[in-house]
C-alpha atoms as a PDB file:
ATOM      1  CA  MET A   1     -43.244 -26.103 -15.725  1.00  0.00           C
ATOM      2  CA  THR A   2     -41.656 -25.882 -19.069  1.00  0.00           C
ATOM      3  CA  LEU A   3     -37.906 -26.630 -19.604  1.00  0.00           C
ATOM      4  CA  ALA A   4     -37.257 -22.972 -20.519  1.00  0.00           C
ATOM      5  CA  ARG A   5     -38.802 -21.608 -17.615  1.00  0.00           C
ATOM      6  CA  SER A   6     -36.937 -24.253 -15.422  1.00  0.00           C
ATOM      7  CA  SER A   7     -33.739 -23.091 -16.821  1.00  0.00           C
ATOM      8  CA  ILE A   8     -34.384 -19.507 -16.251  1.00  0.00           C
ATOM      9  CA  LEU A   9     -35.140 -20.216 -12.468  1.00  0.00           C
ATOM     10  CA  LEU A  10     -31.904 -22.105 -12.201  1.00  0.00           C
ATOM     11  CA  LEU A  11     -30.055 -19.335 -13.785  1.00  0.00           C
ATOM     12  CA  LEU A  12     -31.494 -16.808 -11.461  1.00  0.00           C
ATOM     13  CA  LEU A  13     -30.852 -19.131  -8.490  1.00  0.00           C
ATOM     14  CA  PHE A  14     -27.110 -19.234  -9.539  1.00  0.00           C
ATOM     15  CA  LEU A  15     -26.911 -15.605 -10.082  1.00  0.00           C
ATOM     16  CA  PHE A  16     -28.261 -15.061  -6.469  1.00  0.00           C
ATOM     17  CA  GLN A  17     -25.882 -17.639  -4.960  1.00  0.00           C
ATOM     18  CA  VAL A  18     -22.946 -15.728  -6.817  1.00  0.00           C
ATOM     19  CA  CYS A  19     -24.143 -12.578  -5.520  1.00  0.00           C
ATOM     20  CA  CYS A  20     -24.359 -13.615  -1.896  1.00  0.00           C
ATOM     21  CA  GLN A  21     -20.724 -15.263  -2.163  1.00  0.00           C
ATOM     22  CA  THR A  22     -19.134 -12.120  -3.457  1.00  0.00           C
ATOM     23  CA  SER A  23     -21.054  -9.734  -0.840  1.00  0.00           C
ATOM     24  CA  THR A  24     -20.566 -11.660   2.091  1.00  0.00           C
ATOM     25  CA  TRP A  25     -16.767 -11.224   2.294  1.00  0.00           C
ATOM     26  CA  ALA A  26     -16.791  -7.272   2.713  1.00  0.00           C
ATOM     27  CA  ASP A  27     -20.136  -7.386   4.757  1.00  0.00           C
ATOM     28  CA  GLN A  28     -18.864  -9.519   7.492  1.00  0.00           C
ATOM     29  CA  ARG A  29     -15.493  -7.867   7.735  1.00  0.00           C
ATOM     30  CA  ARG A  30     -14.823  -6.090  11.201  1.00  0.00           C
ATOM     31  CA  VAL A  31     -12.514  -3.106  11.524  1.00  0.00           C
ATOM     32  CA  PHE A  32     -10.960  -2.020  14.878  1.00  0.00           C
ATOM     33  CA  ARG A  33     -11.134   1.991  15.108  1.00  0.00           C
ATOM     34  CA  VAL A  34      -8.065   2.668  16.958  1.00  0.00           C
ATOM     35  CA  SER A  35      -9.243   6.260  18.189  1.00  0.00           C
ATOM     36  CA  ASP A  36     -11.924   5.033  20.462  1.00  0.00           C
ATOM     37  CA  GLY A  37     -11.027   1.341  20.730  1.00  0.00           C
ATOM     38  CA  LYS A  38     -14.425   0.332  19.006  1.00  0.00           C
ATOM     39  CA  THR A  39     -15.183  -2.502  16.518  1.00  0.00           C
ATOM     40  CA  ILE A  40     -17.080  -0.894  13.660  1.00  0.00           C
ATOM     41  CA  THR A  41     -18.446  -2.040  10.315  1.00  0.00           C
ATOM     42  CA  TYR A  42     -16.112  -2.287   7.125  1.00  0.00           C
ATOM     43  CA  GLU A  43     -18.650   0.196   5.459  1.00  0.00           C
ATOM     44  CA  LYS A  44     -18.127   2.934   8.384  1.00  0.00           C
ATOM     45  CA  MET A  45     -14.620   2.682   7.659  1.00  0.00           C
ATOM     46  CA  ILE A  46     -14.783   3.193   3.807  1.00  0.00           C
ATOM     47  CA  GLU A  47     -17.014   6.409   4.605  1.00  0.00           C
ATOM     48  CA  ASP A  48     -14.221   7.855   6.680  1.00  0.00           C
ATOM     49  CA  LEU A  49     -11.414   6.762   4.068  1.00  0.00           C
ATOM     50  CA  ARG A  50     -13.212   8.838   1.484  1.00  0.00           C
ATOM     51  CA  LYS A  51     -12.579  12.089   3.422  1.00  0.00           C
ATOM     52  CA  ALA A  52      -8.782  11.443   3.056  1.00  0.00           C
ATOM     53  CA  THR A  53      -6.272  12.251   0.272  1.00  0.00           C
ATOM     54  CA  LEU A  54      -3.967   9.478   1.075  1.00  0.00           C
ATOM     55  CA  VAL A  55      -4.957   6.050   2.318  1.00  0.00           C
ATOM     56  CA  PHE A  56      -2.213   3.870   3.360  1.00  0.00           C
ATOM     57  CA  VAL A  57      -3.043  -0.029   3.415  1.00  0.00           C
ATOM     58  CA  GLY A  58      -0.389  -2.012   4.824  1.00  0.00           C
ATOM     59  CA  GLU A  59       0.417  -5.589   4.068  1.00  0.00           C
ATOM     60  CA  THR A  60       2.831  -8.415   4.838  1.00  0.00           C
ATOM     61  CA  HIS A  61       4.017  -8.931   1.133  1.00  0.00           C
ATOM     62  CA  ASP A  62       3.428 -12.710   1.036  1.00  0.00           C
ATOM     63  CA  ASN A  63       0.103 -12.802   2.626  1.00  0.00           C
ATOM     64  CA  GLU A  64      -2.680 -13.150  -0.087  1.00  0.00           C
ATOM     65  CA  LEU A  65      -5.467 -12.317   2.719  1.00  0.00           C
ATOM     66  CA  HIS A  66      -3.777  -8.711   2.976  1.00  0.00           C
ATOM     67  CA  HIS A  67      -4.041  -8.260  -0.874  1.00  0.00           C
ATOM     68  CA  ARG A  68      -7.642  -9.043  -0.900  1.00  0.00           C
ATOM     69  CA  LEU A  69      -8.133  -6.546   1.710  1.00  0.00           C
ATOM     70  CA  GLN A  70      -6.351  -4.006  -0.388  1.00  0.00           C
ATOM     71  CA  LEU A  71      -8.177  -4.911  -3.424  1.00  0.00           C
ATOM     72  CA  GLU A  72     -11.611  -4.593  -1.558  1.00  0.00           C
ATOM     73  CA  ILE A  73     -10.739  -1.186  -0.299  1.00  0.00           C
ATOM     74  CA  ILE A  74      -9.868  -0.002  -3.862  1.00  0.00           C
ATOM     75  CA  ARG A  75     -12.784  -1.557  -5.436  1.00  0.00           C
ATOM     76  CA  ASP A  76     -15.231  -0.159  -2.805  1.00  0.00           C
ATOM     77  CA  LEU A  77     -13.622   3.434  -3.028  1.00  0.00           C
ATOM     78  CA  TYR A  78     -13.688   3.232  -6.780  1.00  0.00           C
ATOM     79  CA  SER A  79     -17.297   2.179  -6.801  1.00  0.00           C
ATOM     80  CA  ALA A  80     -18.440   5.009  -4.420  1.00  0.00           C
ATOM     81  CA  LYS A  81     -16.859   7.175  -7.425  1.00  0.00           C
ATOM     82  CA  ALA A  82     -13.938   8.659  -5.274  1.00  0.00           C
ATOM     83  CA  PRO A  83     -11.202   9.718  -7.883  1.00  0.00           C
ATOM     84  CA  ILE A  84      -8.620   7.317  -6.940  1.00  0.00           C
ATOM     85  CA  ALA A  85      -5.188   6.449  -8.049  1.00  0.00           C
ATOM     86  CA  VAL A  86      -3.015   3.510  -6.616  1.00  0.00           C
ATOM     87  CA  GLY A  87       0.398   3.955  -5.432  1.00  0.00           C
ATOM     88  CA  MET A  88       2.781   0.923  -5.219  1.00  0.00           C
ATOM     89  CA  GLU A  89       5.934   0.341  -3.206  1.00  0.00           C
ATOM     90  CA  MET A  90       6.288  -2.713  -5.702  1.00  0.00           C
ATOM     91  CA  PHE A  91       7.348  -0.469  -8.455  1.00  0.00           C
ATOM     92  CA  THR A  92      10.031   2.002  -8.884  1.00  0.00           C
ATOM     93  CA  ALA A  93       9.445   5.584  -9.971  1.00  0.00           C
ATOM     94  CA  SER A  94      11.652   4.948 -13.097  1.00  0.00           C
ATOM     95  CA  SER A  95       9.134   2.135 -14.136  1.00  0.00           C
ATOM     96  CA  GLN A  96       6.386   4.624 -14.595  1.00  0.00           C
ATOM     97  CA  GLU A  97       6.182   4.476 -18.200  1.00  0.00           C
ATOM     98  CA  TYR A  98       5.407   0.712 -18.076  1.00  0.00           C
ATOM     99  CA  LEU A  99       2.756   1.219 -15.720  1.00  0.00           C
ATOM    100  CA  ASN A 100       1.183   3.806 -17.736  1.00  0.00           C
ATOM    101  CA  SER A 101       1.295   1.461 -20.767  1.00  0.00           C
ATOM    102  CA  TRP A 102      -0.247  -1.251 -18.530  1.00  0.00           C
ATOM    103  CA  ILE A 103      -3.215   1.040 -17.350  1.00  0.00           C
ATOM    104  CA  ALA A 104      -3.811   2.046 -21.030  1.00  0.00           C
ATOM    105  CA  GLY A 105      -3.720  -1.515 -22.203  1.00  0.00           C
ATOM    106  CA  LYS A 106      -0.732  -1.012 -24.665  1.00  0.00           C
ATOM    107  CA  ILE A 107       1.665  -3.521 -23.265  1.00  0.00           C
ATOM    108  CA  ASN A 108       1.298  -7.341 -23.522  1.00  0.00           C
ATOM    109  CA  PRO A 109       0.666  -8.941 -20.242  1.00  0.00           C
ATOM    110  CA  ASP A 110       3.733 -11.247 -20.546  1.00  0.00           C
ATOM    111  CA  ASP A 111       5.840  -8.248 -21.149  1.00  0.00           C
ATOM    112  CA  PHE A 112       4.352  -6.503 -18.092  1.00  0.00           C
ATOM    113  CA  ILE A 113       4.989  -9.595 -15.890  1.00  0.00           C
ATOM    114  CA  ARG A 114       8.791  -9.348 -16.711  1.00  0.00           C
ATOM    115  CA  VAL A 115       8.548  -5.461 -15.925  1.00  0.00           C
ATOM    116  CA  TYR A 116       7.095  -6.613 -12.634  1.00  0.00           C
ATOM    117  CA  TYR A 117       9.564  -9.245 -11.790  1.00  0.00           C
ATOM    118  CA  LYS A 118      12.436  -6.673 -12.495  1.00  0.00           C
ATOM    119  CA  ASN A 119      10.820  -4.513  -9.961  1.00  0.00           C
ATOM    120  CA  TRP A 120       9.697  -7.012  -7.135  1.00  0.00           C
ATOM    121  CA  GLY A 121      10.458 -10.437  -6.007  1.00  0.00           C
ATOM    122  CA  PHE A 122       7.347 -11.727  -4.816  1.00  0.00           C
ATOM    123  CA  PRO A 123       5.414 -14.077  -7.040  1.00  0.00           C
ATOM    124  CA  TRP A 124       3.157 -12.298  -9.689  1.00  0.00           C
ATOM    125  CA  PRO A 125      -0.129 -14.151  -8.620  1.00  0.00           C
ATOM    126  CA  VAL A 126       0.070 -12.439  -5.346  1.00  0.00           C
ATOM    127  CA  TYR A 127      -0.520  -8.901  -6.923  1.00  0.00           C
ATOM    128  CA  ARG A 128      -2.135 -10.208 -10.047  1.00  0.00           C
ATOM    129  CA  ASP A 129      -5.834  -9.370  -9.192  1.00  0.00           C
ATOM    130  CA  ILE A 130      -4.942  -5.863  -7.942  1.00  0.00           C
ATOM    131  CA  LEU A 131      -2.938  -5.031 -11.251  1.00  0.00           C
ATOM    132  CA  LEU A 132      -5.646  -6.480 -13.290  1.00  0.00           C
ATOM    133  CA  TYR A 133      -8.342  -4.509 -11.524  1.00  0.00           C
ATOM    134  CA  VAL A 134      -6.587  -1.212 -11.971  1.00  0.00           C
ATOM    135  CA  ARG A 135      -5.799  -2.030 -15.538  1.00  0.00           C
ATOM    136  CA  ASP A 136      -9.640  -2.966 -16.307  1.00  0.00           C
ATOM    137  CA  ASN A 137     -10.806   0.157 -14.795  1.00  0.00           C
ATOM    138  CA  LYS A 138      -8.117   2.635 -16.025  1.00  0.00           C
ATOM    139  CA  ILE A 139      -7.241   3.578 -12.518  1.00  0.00           C
ATOM    140  CA  PRO A 140      -3.938   5.758 -12.513  1.00  0.00           C
ATOM    141  CA  THR A 141      -1.081   3.678 -10.799  1.00  0.00           C
ATOM    142  CA  ILE A 142       2.179   5.182  -9.610  1.00  0.00           C
ATOM    143  CA  GLY A 143       5.559   3.685  -9.111  1.00  0.00           C
ATOM    144  CA  LEU A 144       6.834   4.867  -5.674  1.00  0.00           C
ATOM    145  CA  ASN A 145      10.061   3.047  -4.992  1.00  0.00           C
ATOM    146  CA  ILE A 146      13.683   3.679  -5.471  1.00  0.00           C
ATOM    147  CA  PRO A 147      16.074   1.400  -7.691  1.00  0.00           C
ATOM    148  CA  PRO A 148      16.580  -1.908  -5.544  1.00  0.00           C
ATOM    149  CA  GLU A 149      20.424  -1.669  -6.081  1.00  0.00           C
ATOM    150  CA  ILE A 150      20.423   1.645  -4.148  1.00  0.00           C
ATOM    151  CA  SER A 151      18.329   0.442  -1.270  1.00  0.00           C
ATOM    152  CA  ARG A 152      20.457  -2.672  -0.976  1.00  0.00           C
ATOM    153  CA  LYS A 153      23.801  -0.774  -0.962  1.00  0.00           C
ATOM    154  CA  VAL A 154      22.504   1.596   1.699  1.00  0.00           C
ATOM    155  CA  ALA A 155      21.143  -1.633   3.976  1.00  0.00           C
ATOM    156  CA  SER A 156      24.484  -3.107   3.523  1.00  0.00           C
ATOM    157  CA  SER A 157      26.979  -0.161   3.757  1.00  0.00           C
ATOM    158  CA  GLY A 158      25.032   2.863   4.811  1.00  0.00           C
ATOM    159  CA  PHE A 159      23.697   5.981   3.048  1.00  0.00           C
ATOM    160  CA  SER A 160      27.156   7.523   3.044  1.00  0.00           C
ATOM    161  CA  SER A 161      28.451   4.740   0.801  1.00  0.00           C
ATOM    162  CA  LEU A 162      26.241   5.947  -2.215  1.00  0.00           C
ATOM    163  CA  SER A 163      28.300   7.561  -4.947  1.00  0.00           C
ATOM    164  CA  LYS A 164      27.653  10.922  -6.418  1.00  0.00           C
ATOM    165  CA  GLU A 165      25.891   9.341  -9.468  1.00  0.00           C
ATOM    166  CA  GLU A 166      23.659   7.358  -7.148  1.00  0.00           C
ATOM    167  CA  ARG A 167      22.482  10.255  -5.059  1.00  0.00           C
ATOM    168  CA  GLU A 168      21.531  12.051  -8.116  1.00  0.00           C
ATOM    169  CA  LYS A 169      19.036   9.304  -8.698  1.00  0.00           C
ATOM    170  CA  LEU A 170      17.330  10.368  -5.469  1.00  0.00           C
ATOM    171  CA  PRO A 171      15.076  13.470  -4.907  1.00  0.00           C
ATOM    172  CA  PRO A 172      17.166  16.541  -3.735  1.00  0.00           C
ATOM    173  CA  GLU A 173      15.309  16.426  -0.305  1.00  0.00           C
ATOM    174  CA  THR A 174      16.600  13.125   0.485  1.00  0.00           C
ATOM    175  CA  GLY A 175      18.697  12.757   3.676  1.00  0.00           C
ATOM    176  CA  CYS A 176      19.370   9.856   6.254  1.00  0.00           C
ATOM    177  CA  ALA A 177      19.291  11.381   9.765  1.00  0.00           C
ATOM    178  CA  VAL A 178      18.132   8.477  11.510  1.00  0.00           C
ATOM    179  CA  ASP A 179      17.425   9.091  15.120  1.00  0.00           C
ATOM    180  CA  GLU A 180      16.654   6.880  18.289  1.00  0.00           C
ATOM    181  CA  HIS A 181      13.032   7.360  17.906  1.00  0.00           C
ATOM    182  CA  TYR A 182      12.821   5.980  14.516  1.00  0.00           C
ATOM    183  CA  MET A 183      15.204   3.091  15.199  1.00  0.00           C
ATOM    184  CA  LYS A 184      12.683   2.071  18.093  1.00  0.00           C
ATOM    185  CA  PHE A 185       9.915   2.361  15.626  1.00  0.00           C
ATOM    186  CA  ILE A 186      11.784   0.118  13.011  1.00  0.00           C
ATOM    187  CA  LYS A 187      12.548  -2.419  15.843  1.00  0.00           C
ATOM    188  CA  ARG A 188       8.911  -2.696  16.752  1.00  0.00           C
ATOM    189  CA  ALA A 189       7.518  -2.565  13.124  1.00  0.00           C
ATOM    190  CA  TYR A 190       9.768  -5.557  12.238  1.00  0.00           C
ATOM    191  CA  ALA A 191       9.756  -7.337  15.451  1.00  0.00           C
ATOM    192  CA  MET A 192      13.602  -6.938  15.511  1.00  0.00           C
ATOM    193  CA  HIS A 193      14.620  -7.749  19.235  1.00  0.00           C
ATOM    194  CA  GLY A 194      18.042  -7.258  20.415  1.00  0.00           C
ATOM    195  CA  HIS A 195      19.347  -5.569  17.134  1.00  0.00           C
ATOM    196  CA  GLY A 196      21.869  -2.988  17.196  1.00  0.00           C
ATOM    197  CA  GLY A 197      25.225  -1.767  15.907  1.00  0.00           C
ATOM    198  CA  LYS A 198      26.086  -0.190  12.397  1.00  0.00           C
ATOM    199  CA  GLN A 199      24.496  -3.069  10.416  1.00  0.00           C
ATOM    200  CA  PHE A 200      20.977  -2.154  12.199  1.00  0.00           C
ATOM    201  CA  LEU A 201      21.546   1.593  11.817  1.00  0.00           C
ATOM    202  CA  HIS A 202      22.257   0.913   7.979  1.00  0.00           C
ATOM    203  CA  PHE A 203      18.987  -1.029   7.730  1.00  0.00           C
ATOM    204  CA  CYS A 204      17.242   1.903   9.194  1.00  0.00           C
ATOM    205  CA  GLU A 205      18.802   4.226   6.887  1.00  0.00           C
ATOM    206  CA  ALA A 206      17.525   2.113   4.006  1.00  0.00           C
ATOM    207  CA  GLN A 207      14.068   2.008   5.477  1.00  0.00           C
ATOM    208  CA  LEU A 208      14.033   5.846   6.058  1.00  0.00           C
ATOM    209  CA  LEU A 209      15.323   6.197   2.473  1.00  0.00           C
ATOM    210  CA  TRP A 210      12.391   4.269   1.129  1.00  0.00           C
ATOM    211  CA  ASP A 211      10.074   6.299   3.214  1.00  0.00           C
ATOM    212  CA  GLN A 212      11.360   9.689   2.078  1.00  0.00           C
ATOM    213  CA  VAL A 213      11.429   8.790  -1.682  1.00  0.00           C
ATOM    214  CA  MET A 214       7.931   7.315  -1.648  1.00  0.00           C
ATOM    215  CA  ALA A 215       6.623  10.450   0.093  1.00  0.00           C
ATOM    216  CA  VAL A 216       8.197  12.720  -2.380  1.00  0.00           C
ATOM    217  CA  ASN A 217       6.873  10.822  -5.066  1.00  0.00           C
ATOM    218  CA  LEU A 218       3.402  10.808  -3.516  1.00  0.00           C
ATOM    219  CA  VAL A 219       3.394  14.517  -2.906  1.00  0.00           C
ATOM    220  CA  GLU A 220       4.507  15.319  -6.588  1.00  0.00           C
ATOM    221  CA  PHE A 221       1.663  13.305  -7.937  1.00  0.00           C
ATOM    222  CA  LEU A 222      -0.770  15.074  -5.834  1.00  0.00           C
ATOM    223  CA  ARG A 223       0.791  18.448  -6.917  1.00  0.00           C
ATOM    224  CA  LYS A 224       0.330  17.342 -10.560  1.00  0.00           C
ATOM    225  CA  ASN A 225      -3.216  15.785  -9.971  1.00  0.00           C
ATOM    226  CA  PRO A 226      -5.024  18.258  -7.592  1.00  0.00           C
ATOM    227  CA  GLY A 227      -8.557  16.556  -6.526  1.00  0.00           C
ATOM    228  CA  ARG A 228      -6.988  12.924  -6.577  1.00  0.00           C
ATOM    229  CA  MET A 229      -6.888  10.629  -3.640  1.00  0.00           C
ATOM    230  CA  VAL A 230      -4.249   7.836  -3.617  1.00  0.00           C
ATOM    231  CA  VAL A 231      -4.646   4.417  -2.080  1.00  0.00           C
ATOM    232  CA  VAL A 232      -1.099   3.554  -1.115  1.00  0.00           C
ATOM    233  CA  LEU A 233      -0.055  -0.333  -0.956  1.00  0.00           C
ATOM    234  CA  THR A 234       3.219  -0.891   0.919  1.00  0.00           C
ATOM    235  CA  GLY A 235       4.521  -3.240   3.640  1.00  0.00           C
ATOM    236  CA  ASN A 236       3.416  -2.413   7.351  1.00  0.00           C
ATOM    237  CA  GLY A 237       6.819  -0.977   8.152  1.00  0.00           C
ATOM    238  CA  HIS A 238       6.357   1.761   5.546  1.00  0.00           C
ATOM    239  CA  ALA A 239       2.408   2.280   6.032  1.00  0.00           C
ATOM    240  CA  TRP A 240       2.702   2.954   9.764  1.00  0.00           C
ATOM    241  CA  LYS A 241       2.253   6.667  10.602  1.00  0.00           C
ATOM    242  CA  ARG A 242       5.790   7.062  11.681  1.00  0.00           C
ATOM    243  CA  GLY A 243       6.896   5.679   8.238  1.00  0.00           C
ATOM    244  CA  ILE A 244       5.722   7.370   4.819  1.00  0.00           C
ATOM    245  CA  PRO A 245       2.809   9.359   6.322  1.00  0.00           C
ATOM    246  CA  GLU A 246       5.358  11.218   8.609  1.00  0.00           C
ATOM    247  CA  GLN A 247       7.417  11.947   5.750  1.00  0.00           C
ATOM    248  CA  VAL A 248       4.439  13.416   3.911  1.00  0.00           C
ATOM    249  CA  ARG A 249       3.585  15.452   6.825  1.00  0.00           C
ATOM    250  CA  MET A 250       7.047  16.964   6.640  1.00  0.00           C
ATOM    251  CA  LEU A 251       6.674  17.810   3.160  1.00  0.00           C
ATOM    252  CA  SER A 252       3.063  19.087   3.349  1.00  0.00           C
ATOM    253  CA  SER A 253       0.986  19.301   6.481  1.00  0.00           C
ATOM    254  CA  LYS A 254      -2.209  20.084   4.515  1.00  0.00           C
ATOM    255  CA  ILE A 255      -2.390  16.671   3.083  1.00  0.00           C
ATOM    256  CA  SER A 256      -4.819  14.493   4.892  1.00  0.00           C
ATOM    257  CA  TYR A 257      -4.438  10.761   5.434  1.00  0.00           C
ATOM    258  CA  ARG A 258      -5.511   7.394   7.024  1.00  0.00           C
ATOM    259  CA  VAL A 259      -3.674   4.441   7.831  1.00  0.00           C
ATOM    260  CA  ALA A 260      -5.306   1.051   7.801  1.00  0.00           C
ATOM    261  CA  LEU A 261      -3.207  -2.049   8.842  1.00  0.00           C
ATOM    262  CA  PRO A 262      -3.980  -5.836   8.663  1.00  0.00           C
ATOM    263  CA  ASP A 263      -4.451  -7.571  11.891  1.00  0.00           C
ATOM    264  CA  VAL A 264      -1.172  -9.296  12.730  1.00  0.00           C
ATOM    265  CA  PRO A 265      -1.123 -10.728  16.077  1.00  0.00           C
ATOM    266  CA  GLY A 266       1.912  -9.421  18.360  1.00  0.00           C
ATOM    267  CA  SER A 267       2.565  -6.551  16.053  1.00  0.00           C
ATOM    268  CA  THR A 268      -0.350  -4.873  14.373  1.00  0.00           C
ATOM    269  CA  ASP A 269      -3.153  -5.968  16.539  1.00  0.00           C
ATOM    270  CA  PRO A 270      -5.555  -4.055  18.735  1.00  0.00           C
ATOM    271  CA  ALA A 271      -3.510  -4.665  21.872  1.00  0.00           C
ATOM    272  CA  ASN A 272      -0.302  -3.239  20.421  1.00  0.00           C
ATOM    273  CA  ILE A 273      -1.516  -0.360  18.317  1.00  0.00           C
ATOM    274  CA  SER A 274      -2.021   3.222  19.219  1.00  0.00           C
ATOM    275  CA  VAL A 275      -3.255   6.439  17.308  1.00  0.00           C
ATOM    276  CA  GLU A 276       0.356   7.356  16.890  1.00  0.00           C
ATOM    277  CA  ASP A 277       0.594   4.150  14.688  1.00  0.00           C
ATOM    278  CA  ALA A 278      -2.652   3.721  12.577  1.00  0.00           C
ATOM    279  CA  ASP A 279      -6.362   4.566  12.291  1.00  0.00           C
ATOM    280  CA  TYR A 280      -7.788   1.183  11.536  1.00  0.00           C
ATOM    281  CA  ILE A 281      -7.115  -2.516  12.116  1.00  0.00           C
ATOM    282  CA  LEU A 282      -8.602  -4.683   9.546  1.00  0.00           C
ATOM    283  CA  LEU A 283      -9.563  -7.677  11.745  1.00  0.00           C
ATOM    284  CA  LYS A 284      -9.509 -11.472  10.663  1.00  0.00           C
END
């Protein structure tokens, strides 16, 4: 066997191993379908997600596995030619021009990383692969969140503490009528046992404010971009059906959605989830 032929065979073997390594992760993933309690293939879930206008994929912010799951779903929907955009809790709506520049390749990566840290406190490497993928594939990406100083103020002192100027930064539909049902949901979503009083009410108001504003921004994007579907990346406490999806439903009952949450034992796992919470649990 000639040296050249041996080199070619080694190269083919290497490429085969790389392909196997990159394909097995999604191929071996199992998904719990909440509607019938069955464990299905990842591919079966992707087929169903393609039918929705909004796909909420939850996360624990510092869990790298959850972000790998999110990237896989984005990648597979994009590869299936779905007309996707990506909505992110990690950026405020007011930072949209920077996101647009990032997707267009018109902003220096170091400058964009500084923008990222002005919006979000978790390490850049946790979200880097997702943000590189949307940039490299020119996938529209939407900043959904409110200015952090507003959410911090509401969480500390309540919605009523906002000044007129601060309220004007919010969509006109925004309110903060937190009921007992929503507070029970928040306690469960964040495993907050024994919490009560004004401080907990203020925390719930801040959560509801996030849910409402992100829902308004999603509905507005869909109104301006008919035919698009949006993969929404946000914390589990916002991705649950009682979070942003419920606020979307109140704004427009015609928008279809699916909710996929990562498996978090004791919180978002098959034993603790109903169809009122999510459609799929992404099993470990």
